[in-house]
Amino acid sequence: MELIPAIDIIDGRCVRLTQGRYDSKTTYPVSPADMAAMFEDHGIRRLHVVDLDGARTGKVRNWKALEQIAARTNLIIDFGGGIQTDADMKRVFECGAKMATIGSIAISQPQRFATWIGTYGPDAILPGADVKEEKLAIRGWTQQTDISLPDFIKQMLKLGISQMFCTDVSKDGQLMGPSVELYKKTILENPGIRLIASGGIRSVDDLRLLRETGCTGAIIGKALYEGYISLNELRTFI
């Protein structure tokens, strides 16, 4: 199972939200590039970067932070938040990301999303399913849809996507443990999907449990920033 630290960015700075609420922002006194370099120094190979300004406004705002992370490290970066246009997609890769994280567009503009898959290939796109009250939420978790997680996964598999991440918004930033039962059910019902867990992870024991559940990756955020999981613990887990 891949360990994937998250760097969420607002105004070029590392932040964490609680349950996706922008009014619950915690800002950390370290730059995104410095944080990424620290992760790499401890054996991490992959990074999840989210432009929260872009997710909320629908326009990518933190290109510079992505460029700085990519220039400073050799991490495999997936980047998302506000990607809306063909030009945005092109720039994601020009700035050094290996994968574009797509959520809202996959739902609101499925034809454009399918075109991007045809242009860049399914391995260059990482769809994200943010689940809120059993339905998907988009626009930085501010807009609820009527689309269920199983229906979304079926559509991704039809398009050739085999890897995606799933965040239970109710767990995010709570440090109360991940949605193990949700992931277990999802993997059992969709054996073709490689599922990355996100939200609620609080300890190395949670990571072991997610690995046993069948998740192929785990995105770790607040637990790292608040010291619930140390980078040295991740090194031994890797």
C-alpha atoms as a PDB file:
ATOM      1  CA  MET A   1       0.000   0.000   0.000  1.00  0.00           C
ATOM      2  CA  GLU A   2       1.365   3.402  -0.997  1.00  0.00           C
ATOM      3  CA  LEU A   3       1.610   6.085   1.674  1.00  0.00           C
ATOM      4  CA  ILE A   4       0.652   9.447   0.173  1.00  0.00           C
ATOM      5  CA  PRO A   5       1.022  12.544   2.343  1.00  0.00           C
ATOM      6  CA  ALA A   6      -1.275  15.429   1.467  1.00  0.00           C
ATOM      7  CA  ILE A   7      -0.330  19.054   1.055  1.00  0.00           C
ATOM      8  CA  ASP A   8      -3.378  21.327   0.968  1.00  0.00           C
ATOM      9  CA  ILE A   9      -2.652  24.875  -0.114  1.00  0.00           C
ATOM     10  CA  ILE A  10      -4.381  28.224   0.434  1.00  0.00           C
ATOM     11  CA  ASP A  11      -2.572  31.423  -0.563  1.00  0.00           C
ATOM     12  CA  GLY A  12       0.619  29.454  -1.135  1.00  0.00           C
ATOM     13  CA  ARG A  13       0.689  28.074   2.405  1.00  0.00           C
ATOM     14  CA  CYS A  14       0.142  24.627   3.918  1.00  0.00           C
ATOM     15  CA  VAL A  15      -3.225  24.323   5.610  1.00  0.00           C
ATOM     16  CA  ARG A  16      -5.672  21.716   6.838  1.00  0.00           C
ATOM     17  CA  LEU A  17      -9.444  21.977   6.955  1.00  0.00           C
ATOM     18  CA  THR A  18     -11.869  20.077   9.182  1.00  0.00           C
ATOM     19  CA  GLN A  19     -14.699  18.305   7.335  1.00  0.00           C
ATOM     20  CA  GLY A  20     -13.967  20.479   4.317  1.00  0.00           C
ATOM     21  CA  ARG A  21     -14.993  23.700   6.076  1.00  0.00           C
ATOM     22  CA  TYR A  22     -12.961  26.689   4.997  1.00  0.00           C
ATOM     23  CA  ASP A  23     -13.849  28.480   8.224  1.00  0.00           C
ATOM     24  CA  SER A  24     -12.029  25.744  10.163  1.00  0.00           C
ATOM     25  CA  LYS A  25      -8.650  26.354   8.523  1.00  0.00           C
ATOM     26  CA  THR A  26      -5.390  25.654  10.340  1.00  0.00           C
ATOM     27  CA  THR A  27      -2.290  27.182   8.747  1.00  0.00           C
ATOM     28  CA  TYR A  28       1.158  25.627   9.294  1.00  0.00           C
ATOM     29  CA  PRO A  29       4.439  27.590   9.412  1.00  0.00           C
ATOM     30  CA  VAL A  30       6.210  25.659   6.670  1.00  0.00           C
ATOM     31  CA  SER A  31       6.188  26.124   2.912  1.00  0.00           C
ATOM     32  CA  PRO A  32       4.680  23.448   0.654  1.00  0.00           C
ATOM     33  CA  ALA A  33       8.089  22.841  -0.965  1.00  0.00           C
ATOM     34  CA  ASP A  34       9.842  22.459   2.393  1.00  0.00           C
ATOM     35  CA  MET A  35       7.150  20.067   3.574  1.00  0.00           C
ATOM     36  CA  ALA A  36       7.422  18.008   0.397  1.00  0.00           C
ATOM     37  CA  ALA A  37      11.208  17.804   0.734  1.00  0.00           C
ATOM     38  CA  MET A  38      10.830  16.630   4.320  1.00  0.00           C
ATOM     39  CA  PHE A  39       8.488  13.864   3.206  1.00  0.00           C
ATOM     40  CA  GLU A  40      10.921  12.769   0.501  1.00  0.00           C
ATOM     41  CA  ASP A  41      13.827  12.720   2.966  1.00  0.00           C
ATOM     42  CA  HIS A  42      11.874  10.152   5.009  1.00  0.00           C
ATOM     43  CA  GLY A  43      11.373   7.752   2.127  1.00  0.00           C
ATOM     44  CA  ILE A  44       8.034   8.962   0.765  1.00  0.00           C
ATOM     45  CA  ARG A  45       7.733   8.586  -3.010  1.00  0.00           C
ATOM     46  CA  ARG A  46       4.319  10.054  -3.767  1.00  0.00           C
ATOM     47  CA  LEU A  47       2.471  13.257  -2.883  1.00  0.00           C
ATOM     48  CA  HIS A  48      -1.138  14.478  -3.046  1.00  0.00           C
ATOM     49  CA  VAL A  49      -1.329  18.244  -3.606  1.00  0.00           C
ATOM     50  CA  VAL A  50      -4.619  20.153  -3.471  1.00  0.00           C
ATOM     51  CA  ASP A  51      -5.131  23.785  -4.417  1.00  0.00           C
ATOM     52  CA  LEU A  52      -7.976  24.613  -2.031  1.00  0.00           C
ATOM     53  CA  ASP A  53      -8.293  28.114  -3.466  1.00  0.00           C
ATOM     54  CA  GLY A  54      -8.847  26.507  -6.849  1.00  0.00           C
ATOM     55  CA  ALA A  55     -11.269  23.923  -5.509  1.00  0.00           C
ATOM     56  CA  ARG A  56     -13.433  26.636  -4.006  1.00  0.00           C
ATOM     57  CA  THR A  57     -13.291  29.179  -6.856  1.00  0.00           C
ATOM     58  CA  GLY A  58     -13.083  26.871  -9.872  1.00  0.00           C
ATOM     59  CA  LYS A  59      -9.797  28.403 -11.009  1.00  0.00           C
ATOM     60  CA  VAL A  60      -6.329  27.084 -10.146  1.00  0.00           C
ATOM     61  CA  ARG A  61      -4.504  29.630  -8.004  1.00  0.00           C
ATOM     62  CA  ASN A  62      -1.381  27.912  -6.705  1.00  0.00           C
ATOM     63  CA  TRP A  63       0.613  26.955  -9.792  1.00  0.00           C
ATOM     64  CA  LYS A  64       3.770  28.422  -8.275  1.00  0.00           C
ATOM     65  CA  ALA A  65       3.588  26.118  -5.265  1.00  0.00           C
ATOM     66  CA  LEU A  66       3.299  23.091  -7.564  1.00  0.00           C
ATOM     67  CA  GLU A  67       6.291  24.254  -9.605  1.00  0.00           C
ATOM     68  CA  GLN A  68       8.367  24.744  -6.462  1.00  0.00           C
ATOM     69  CA  ILE A  69       7.513  21.283  -5.110  1.00  0.00           C
ATOM     70  CA  ALA A  70       8.338  19.627  -8.427  1.00  0.00           C
ATOM     71  CA  ALA A  71      11.628  21.541  -8.739  1.00  0.00           C
ATOM     72  CA  ARG A  72      12.660  20.684  -5.197  1.00  0.00           C
ATOM     73  CA  THR A  73      11.794  16.966  -5.159  1.00  0.00           C
ATOM     74  CA  ASN A  74      11.518  13.846  -7.301  1.00  0.00           C
ATOM     75  CA  LEU A  75       8.171  12.900  -5.798  1.00  0.00           C
ATOM     76  CA  ILE A  76       5.355  11.510  -7.923  1.00  0.00           C
ATOM     77  CA  ILE A  77       2.845  14.333  -7.574  1.00  0.00           C
ATOM     78  CA  ASP A  78      -0.865  14.255  -8.193  1.00  0.00           C
ATOM     79  CA  PHE A  79      -2.317  17.751  -8.295  1.00  0.00           C
ATOM     80  CA  GLY A  80      -5.883  19.015  -8.256  1.00  0.00           C
ATOM     81  CA  GLY A  81      -8.213  21.797  -7.264  1.00  0.00           C
ATOM     82  CA  GLY A  82      -9.847  24.044  -9.824  1.00  0.00           C
ATOM     83  CA  ILE A  83      -8.783  22.234 -12.985  1.00  0.00           C
ATOM     84  CA  GLN A  84     -11.420  23.265 -15.509  1.00  0.00           C
ATOM     85  CA  THR A  85      -9.950  23.753 -18.982  1.00  0.00           C
ATOM     86  CA  ASP A  86      -7.756  22.006 -21.519  1.00  0.00           C
ATOM     87  CA  ALA A  87      -5.108  24.636 -20.806  1.00  0.00           C
ATOM     88  CA  ASP A  88      -5.276  23.776 -17.091  1.00  0.00           C
ATOM     89  CA  MET A  89      -4.696  20.115 -17.855  1.00  0.00           C
ATOM     90  CA  LYS A  90      -1.695  20.880 -20.025  1.00  0.00           C
ATOM     91  CA  ARG A  91      -0.214  23.153 -17.388  1.00  0.00           C
ATOM     92  CA  VAL A  92      -0.577  20.561 -14.623  1.00  0.00           C
ATOM     93  CA  PHE A  93       1.962  18.366 -16.368  1.00  0.00           C
ATOM     94  CA  GLU A  94       4.148  21.263 -17.491  1.00  0.00           C
ATOM     95  CA  CYS A  95       4.452  22.324 -13.851  1.00  0.00           C
ATOM     96  CA  GLY A  96       5.755  18.903 -12.859  1.00  0.00           C
ATOM     97  CA  ALA A  97       2.791  16.804 -11.720  1.00  0.00           C
ATOM     98  CA  LYS A  98       2.528  13.220 -12.949  1.00  0.00           C
ATOM     99  CA  MET A  99      -1.222  12.978 -12.413  1.00  0.00           C
ATOM    100  CA  ALA A 100      -4.128  15.386 -12.517  1.00  0.00           C
ATOM    101  CA  THR A 101      -6.625  14.944  -9.710  1.00  0.00           C
ATOM    102  CA  ILE A 102     -10.122  15.448 -11.072  1.00  0.00           C
ATOM    103  CA  GLY A 103     -13.359  15.550  -9.105  1.00  0.00           C
ATOM    104  CA  SER A 104     -15.944  18.115 -10.104  1.00  0.00           C
ATOM    105  CA  ILE A 105     -15.342  18.013 -13.863  1.00  0.00           C
ATOM    106  CA  ALA A 106     -15.747  14.228 -13.954  1.00  0.00           C
ATOM    107  CA  ILE A 107     -19.295  14.796 -12.742  1.00  0.00           C
ATOM    108  CA  SER A 108     -20.309  18.151 -14.211  1.00  0.00           C
ATOM    109  CA  GLN A 109     -18.612  17.771 -17.621  1.00  0.00           C
ATOM    110  CA  PRO A 110     -18.278  14.038 -18.300  1.00  0.00           C
ATOM    111  CA  GLN A 111     -17.563  14.498 -22.016  1.00  0.00           C
ATOM    112  CA  ARG A 112     -14.628  16.805 -21.364  1.00  0.00           C
ATOM    113  CA  PHE A 113     -13.362  14.371 -18.731  1.00  0.00           C
ATOM    114  CA  ALA A 114     -13.564  11.509 -21.235  1.00  0.00           C
ATOM    115  CA  THR A 115     -11.651  13.607 -23.763  1.00  0.00           C
ATOM    116  CA  TRP A 116      -8.871  14.209 -21.247  1.00  0.00           C
ATOM    117  CA  ILE A 117      -8.598  10.477 -20.637  1.00  0.00           C
ATOM    118  CA  GLY A 118      -8.265   9.968 -24.384  1.00  0.00           C
ATOM    119  CA  THR A 119      -5.585  12.658 -24.622  1.00  0.00           C
ATOM    120  CA  TYR A 120      -3.448  11.868 -21.588  1.00  0.00           C
ATOM    121  CA  GLY A 121      -4.348   8.259 -20.822  1.00  0.00           C
ATOM    122  CA  PRO A 122      -6.174   6.853 -17.791  1.00  0.00           C
ATOM    123  CA  ASP A 123      -2.979   6.499 -15.735  1.00  0.00           C
ATOM    124  CA  ALA A 124      -2.391  10.268 -15.867  1.00  0.00           C
ATOM    125  CA  ILE A 125      -5.720  11.073 -14.240  1.00  0.00           C
ATOM    126  CA  LEU A 126      -6.669  10.373 -10.632  1.00  0.00           C
ATOM    127  CA  PRO A 127     -10.405  10.782 -10.001  1.00  0.00           C
ATOM    128  CA  GLY A 128     -11.504  11.715  -6.530  1.00  0.00           C
ATOM    129  CA  ALA A 129     -14.820  10.752  -4.963  1.00  0.00           C
ATOM    130  CA  ASP A 130     -15.688  12.947  -2.004  1.00  0.00           C
ATOM    131  CA  VAL A 131     -18.555  11.257  -0.193  1.00  0.00           C
ATOM    132  CA  LYS A 132     -20.939  13.251   1.968  1.00  0.00           C
ATOM    133  CA  GLU A 133     -24.077  11.603   3.348  1.00  0.00           C
ATOM    134  CA  GLU A 134     -23.615   8.688   0.900  1.00  0.00           C
ATOM    135  CA  LYS A 135     -23.545  11.004  -2.135  1.00  0.00           C
ATOM    136  CA  LEU A 136     -20.705  12.719  -3.947  1.00  0.00           C
ATOM    137  CA  ALA A 137     -19.844  16.334  -3.143  1.00  0.00           C
ATOM    138  CA  ILE A 138     -18.053  18.653  -5.573  1.00  0.00           C
ATOM    139  CA  ARG A 139     -16.672  22.218  -5.763  1.00  0.00           C
ATOM    140  CA  GLY A 140     -14.388  21.827  -2.789  1.00  0.00           C
ATOM    141  CA  TRP A 141     -17.099  19.831  -0.976  1.00  0.00           C
ATOM    142  CA  THR A 142     -19.441  22.847  -1.055  1.00  0.00           C
ATOM    143  CA  GLN A 143     -21.999  21.375  -3.495  1.00  0.00           C
ATOM    144  CA  GLN A 144     -23.889  18.121  -2.943  1.00  0.00           C
ATOM    145  CA  THR A 145     -24.886  15.868  -5.848  1.00  0.00           C
ATOM    146  CA  ASP A 146     -27.300  12.936  -6.194  1.00  0.00           C
ATOM    147  CA  ILE A 147     -24.573  10.631  -7.517  1.00  0.00           C
ATOM    148  CA  SER A 148     -23.718   7.602  -5.406  1.00  0.00           C
ATOM    149  CA  LEU A 149     -20.204   6.216  -4.997  1.00  0.00           C
ATOM    150  CA  PRO A 150     -21.042   2.867  -6.708  1.00  0.00           C
ATOM    151  CA  ASP A 151     -22.454   4.662  -9.750  1.00  0.00           C
ATOM    152  CA  PHE A 152     -19.384   6.890  -9.976  1.00  0.00           C
ATOM    153  CA  ILE A 153     -17.013   3.933  -9.779  1.00  0.00           C
ATOM    154  CA  LYS A 154     -18.887   2.059 -12.497  1.00  0.00           C
ATOM    155  CA  GLN A 155     -18.523   5.065 -14.787  1.00  0.00           C
ATOM    156  CA  MET A 156     -14.788   5.325 -14.061  1.00  0.00           C
ATOM    157  CA  LEU A 157     -14.224   1.660 -14.821  1.00  0.00           C
ATOM    158  CA  LYS A 158     -16.066   2.045 -18.132  1.00  0.00           C
ATOM    159  CA  LEU A 159     -13.669   4.850 -19.046  1.00  0.00           C
ATOM    160  CA  GLY A 160     -10.632   2.702 -18.316  1.00  0.00           C
ATOM    161  CA  ILE A 161      -9.817   4.266 -14.954  1.00  0.00           C
ATOM    162  CA  SER A 162      -8.566   1.678 -12.476  1.00  0.00           C
ATOM    163  CA  GLN A 163      -7.261   3.909  -9.663  1.00  0.00           C
ATOM    164  CA  MET A 164      -9.106   6.542  -7.651  1.00  0.00           C
ATOM    165  CA  PHE A 165      -9.304   7.923  -4.158  1.00  0.00           C
ATOM    166  CA  CYS A 166     -12.292   8.236  -1.876  1.00  0.00           C
ATOM    167  CA  THR A 167     -12.722  10.714   0.957  1.00  0.00           C
ATOM    168  CA  ASP A 168     -15.461  10.431   3.547  1.00  0.00           C
ATOM    169  CA  VAL A 169     -15.970  14.139   4.224  1.00  0.00           C
ATOM    170  CA  SER A 170     -17.438  13.444   7.661  1.00  0.00           C
ATOM    171  CA  LYS A 171     -14.133  11.848   8.686  1.00  0.00           C
ATOM    172  CA  ASP A 172     -11.761  14.366   7.153  1.00  0.00           C
ATOM    173  CA  GLY A 173      -9.668  16.219   9.689  1.00  0.00           C
ATOM    174  CA  GLN A 174     -11.414  14.527  12.614  1.00  0.00           C
ATOM    175  CA  LEU A 175      -8.633  12.075  13.566  1.00  0.00           C
ATOM    176  CA  MET A 176     -11.290   9.540  14.506  1.00  0.00           C
ATOM    177  CA  GLY A 177     -10.277   6.755  12.158  1.00  0.00           C
ATOM    178  CA  PRO A 178     -10.988   6.124   8.474  1.00  0.00           C
ATOM    179  CA  SER A 179     -14.177   4.748   6.911  1.00  0.00           C
ATOM    180  CA  VAL A 180     -12.962   1.161   6.853  1.00  0.00           C
ATOM    181  CA  GLU A 181     -16.387  -0.381   6.296  1.00  0.00           C
ATOM    182  CA  LEU A 182     -17.075   1.943   3.361  1.00  0.00           C
ATOM    183  CA  TYR A 183     -13.776   1.005   1.733  1.00  0.00           C
ATOM    184  CA  LYS A 184     -14.230  -2.696   2.419  1.00  0.00           C
ATOM    185  CA  LYS A 185     -17.682  -2.691   0.836  1.00  0.00           C
ATOM    186  CA  THR A 186     -16.505  -0.643  -2.123  1.00  0.00           C
ATOM    187  CA  ILE A 187     -13.560  -2.931  -2.868  1.00  0.00           C
ATOM    188  CA  LEU A 188     -15.668  -6.081  -2.549  1.00  0.00           C
ATOM    189  CA  GLU A 189     -18.325  -4.721  -4.912  1.00  0.00           C
ATOM    190  CA  ASN A 190     -15.800  -3.311  -7.412  1.00  0.00           C
ATOM    191  CA  PRO A 191     -12.852  -5.720  -7.625  1.00  0.00           C
ATOM    192  CA  GLY A 192     -11.430  -3.867 -10.639  1.00  0.00           C
ATOM    193  CA  ILE A 193     -10.785  -0.644  -8.738  1.00  0.00           C
ATOM    194  CA  ARG A 194      -7.575   0.272  -6.939  1.00  0.00           C
ATOM    195  CA  LEU A 195      -8.881   2.367  -4.069  1.00  0.00           C
ATOM    196  CA  ILE A 196      -6.908   4.992  -2.179  1.00  0.00           C
ATOM    197  CA  ALA A 197      -8.338   5.824   1.242  1.00  0.00           C
ATOM    198  CA  SER A 198      -8.528   9.408   2.450  1.00  0.00           C
ATOM    199  CA  GLY A 199      -9.866  11.060   5.589  1.00  0.00           C
ATOM    200  CA  GLY A 200      -9.748  10.308   9.303  1.00  0.00           C
ATOM    201  CA  ILE A 201      -6.412   8.472   9.459  1.00  0.00           C
ATOM    202  CA  ARG A 202      -4.910   8.975  12.918  1.00  0.00           C
ATOM    203  CA  SER A 203      -2.284   6.254  13.478  1.00  0.00           C
ATOM    204  CA  VAL A 204      -0.049   3.658  11.919  1.00  0.00           C
ATOM    205  CA  ASP A 205      -2.563   1.060  13.118  1.00  0.00           C
ATOM    206  CA  ASP A 206      -5.141   2.710  10.854  1.00  0.00           C
ATOM    207  CA  LEU A 207      -2.734   2.347   7.948  1.00  0.00           C
ATOM    208  CA  ARG A 208      -2.256  -1.348   8.683  1.00  0.00           C
ATOM    209  CA  LEU A 209      -6.018  -1.825   8.864  1.00  0.00           C
ATOM    210  CA  LEU A 210      -6.525  -0.089   5.518  1.00  0.00           C
ATOM    211  CA  ARG A 211      -3.875  -2.317   3.962  1.00  0.00           C
ATOM    212  CA  GLU A 212      -5.648  -5.403   5.311  1.00  0.00           C
ATOM    213  CA  THR A 213      -8.930  -4.047   3.918  1.00  0.00           C
ATOM    214  CA  GLY A 214      -7.436  -4.029   0.429  1.00  0.00           C
ATOM    215  CA  CYS A 215      -6.780  -0.331  -0.127  1.00  0.00           C
ATOM    216  CA  THR A 216      -3.846   0.212  -2.478  1.00  0.00           C
ATOM    217  CA  GLY A 217      -2.993   3.608  -1.032  1.00  0.00           C
ATOM    218  CA  ALA A 218      -3.696   5.953   1.852  1.00  0.00           C
ATOM    219  CA  ILE A 219      -3.641   9.750   1.813  1.00  0.00           C
ATOM    220  CA  ILE A 220      -2.422  11.085   5.154  1.00  0.00           C
ATOM    221  CA  GLY A 221      -2.974  14.683   6.207  1.00  0.00           C
ATOM    222  CA  LYS A 222      -3.695  16.099   9.622  1.00  0.00           C
ATOM    223  CA  ALA A 223      -2.231  13.139  11.516  1.00  0.00           C
ATOM    224  CA  LEU A 224       1.186  14.030  10.121  1.00  0.00           C
ATOM    225  CA  TYR A 225       0.888  17.760  10.679  1.00  0.00           C
ATOM    226  CA  GLU A 226      -0.356  17.382  14.241  1.00  0.00           C
ATOM    227  CA  GLY A 227       2.150  14.702  15.226  1.00  0.00           C
ATOM    228  CA  TYR A 228      -0.227  11.748  15.624  1.00  0.00           C
ATOM    229  CA  ILE A 229       1.921   9.894  13.100  1.00  0.00           C
ATOM    230  CA  SER A 230       5.641  10.650  12.938  1.00  0.00           C
ATOM    231  CA  LEU A 231       7.678  10.597   9.756  1.00  0.00           C
ATOM    232  CA  ASN A 232       9.925   8.012  11.376  1.00  0.00           C
ATOM    233  CA  GLU A 233       6.892   5.752  11.888  1.00  0.00           C
ATOM    234  CA  LEU A 234       6.121   6.072   8.200  1.00  0.00           C
ATOM    235  CA  ARG A 235       9.687   5.073   7.386  1.00  0.00           C
ATOM    236  CA  THR A 236       9.291   1.807   9.301  1.00  0.00           C
ATOM    237  CA  PHE A 237       5.894   1.207   7.678  1.00  0.00           C
ATOM    238  CA  ILE A 238       7.351   1.693   4.204  1.00  0.00           C
END
